[in-house]
C-alpha atoms as a PDB file:
ATOM      1  CA  GLU A   1     -69.341  60.471 101.361  1.00  0.00           C
ATOM      2  CA  ALA A   2     -66.474  61.368 102.985  1.00  0.00           C
ATOM      3  CA  MET A   3     -68.774  63.907 104.412  1.00  0.00           C
ATOM      4  CA  LYS A   4     -71.653  61.982 104.461  1.00  0.00           C
ATOM      5  CA  ARG A   5     -69.790  59.571 106.796  1.00  0.00           C
ATOM      6  CA  GLY A   6     -67.318  61.634 108.635  1.00  0.00           C
ATOM      7  CA  THR A   7     -65.169  58.569 109.570  1.00  0.00           C
ATOM      8  CA  SER A   8     -63.739  55.426 109.366  1.00  0.00           C
ATOM      9  CA  VAL A   9     -65.560  52.553 111.601  1.00  0.00           C
ATOM     10  CA  PHE A  10     -63.290  49.308 112.680  1.00  0.00           C
ATOM     11  CA  LEU A  11     -65.552  46.955 113.835  1.00  0.00           C
ATOM     12  CA  PRO A  12     -64.466  43.283 114.670  1.00  0.00           C
ATOM     13  CA  THR A  13     -66.335  41.097 112.306  1.00  0.00           C
ATOM     14  CA  ALA A  14     -66.443  44.772 109.360  1.00  0.00           C
ATOM     15  CA  THR A  15     -64.821  47.725 108.450  1.00  0.00           C
ATOM     16  CA  TYR A  16     -66.861  50.159 107.207  1.00  0.00           C
ATOM     17  CA  PRO A  17     -64.182  52.996 104.990  1.00  0.00           C
ATOM     18  CA  MET A  18     -65.089  56.598 105.224  1.00  0.00           C
ATOM     19  CA  PHE A  19     -63.816  56.881 101.707  1.00  0.00           C
ATOM     20  CA  PRO A  20     -64.529  54.535  98.745  1.00  0.00           C
ATOM     21  CA  GLU A  21     -63.042  51.559  99.835  1.00  0.00           C
ATOM     22  CA  LYS A  22     -61.046  51.488  96.363  1.00  0.00           C
ATOM     23  CA  ILE A  23     -59.482  54.417  97.744  1.00  0.00           C
ATOM     24  CA  ALA A  24     -60.043  54.090 101.636  1.00  0.00           C
ATOM     25  CA  MET A  25     -57.920  50.070 100.830  1.00  0.00           C
ATOM     26  CA  GLU A  26     -55.765  51.233  97.943  1.00  0.00           C
ATOM     27  CA  GLY A  27     -54.345  54.476  96.873  1.00  0.00           C
ATOM     28  CA  MET A  28     -55.255  56.369 100.895  1.00  0.00           C
ATOM     29  CA  SER A  29     -54.048  53.294 102.745  1.00  0.00           C
ATOM     30  CA  LEU A  30     -51.154  52.438 105.342  1.00  0.00           C
ATOM     31  CA  LYS A  31     -48.548  49.576 103.837  1.00  0.00           C
ATOM     32  CA  GLN A  32     -46.485  47.395 105.556  1.00  0.00           C
ATOM     33  CA  GLY A  33     -43.014  47.872 104.210  1.00  0.00           C
ATOM     34  CA  HIS A  34     -44.173  51.056 101.249  1.00  0.00           C
ATOM     35  CA  VAL A  35     -43.080  55.300 102.246  1.00  0.00           C
ATOM     36  CA  CYS A  36     -46.148  56.416 102.031  1.00  0.00           C
ATOM     37  CA  SER A  37     -46.860  60.593 102.294  1.00  0.00           C
ATOM     38  CA  VAL A  38     -49.097  61.511 105.145  1.00  0.00           C
ATOM     39  CA  VAL A  39     -50.678  64.516 106.535  1.00  0.00           C
ATOM     40  CA  SER A  40     -50.598  64.939 110.144  1.00  0.00           C
ATOM     41  CA  VAL A  41     -52.882  67.472 111.958  1.00  0.00           C
ATOM     42  CA  SER A  42     -53.281  68.628 115.504  1.00  0.00           C
ATOM     43  CA  ILE A  43     -55.854  70.735 116.869  1.00  0.00           C
ATOM     44  CA  ILE A  44     -55.958  72.426 119.963  1.00  0.00           C
ATOM     45  CA  LEU A  45     -59.295  73.843 120.993  1.00  0.00           C
ATOM     46  CA  ARG A  46     -60.309  76.213 124.307  1.00  0.00           C
ATOM     47  CA  GLU A  47     -63.389  77.104 125.908  1.00  0.00           C
ATOM     48  CA  ASP A  48     -63.766  81.025 124.810  1.00  0.00           C
ATOM     49  CA  GLY A  49     -63.386  78.639 121.106  1.00  0.00           C
END
């Protein structure tokens, strides 16, 4: 499902999570007041690839 969607979409009237809703809203959600593990990735692409 994540490969099909490619990204989560947040609109004023709806949210379309990249992952199945149960996972996106529970296990993978950043919740205020809770310690959460995260992964941050930064990629710099040059013109020559």
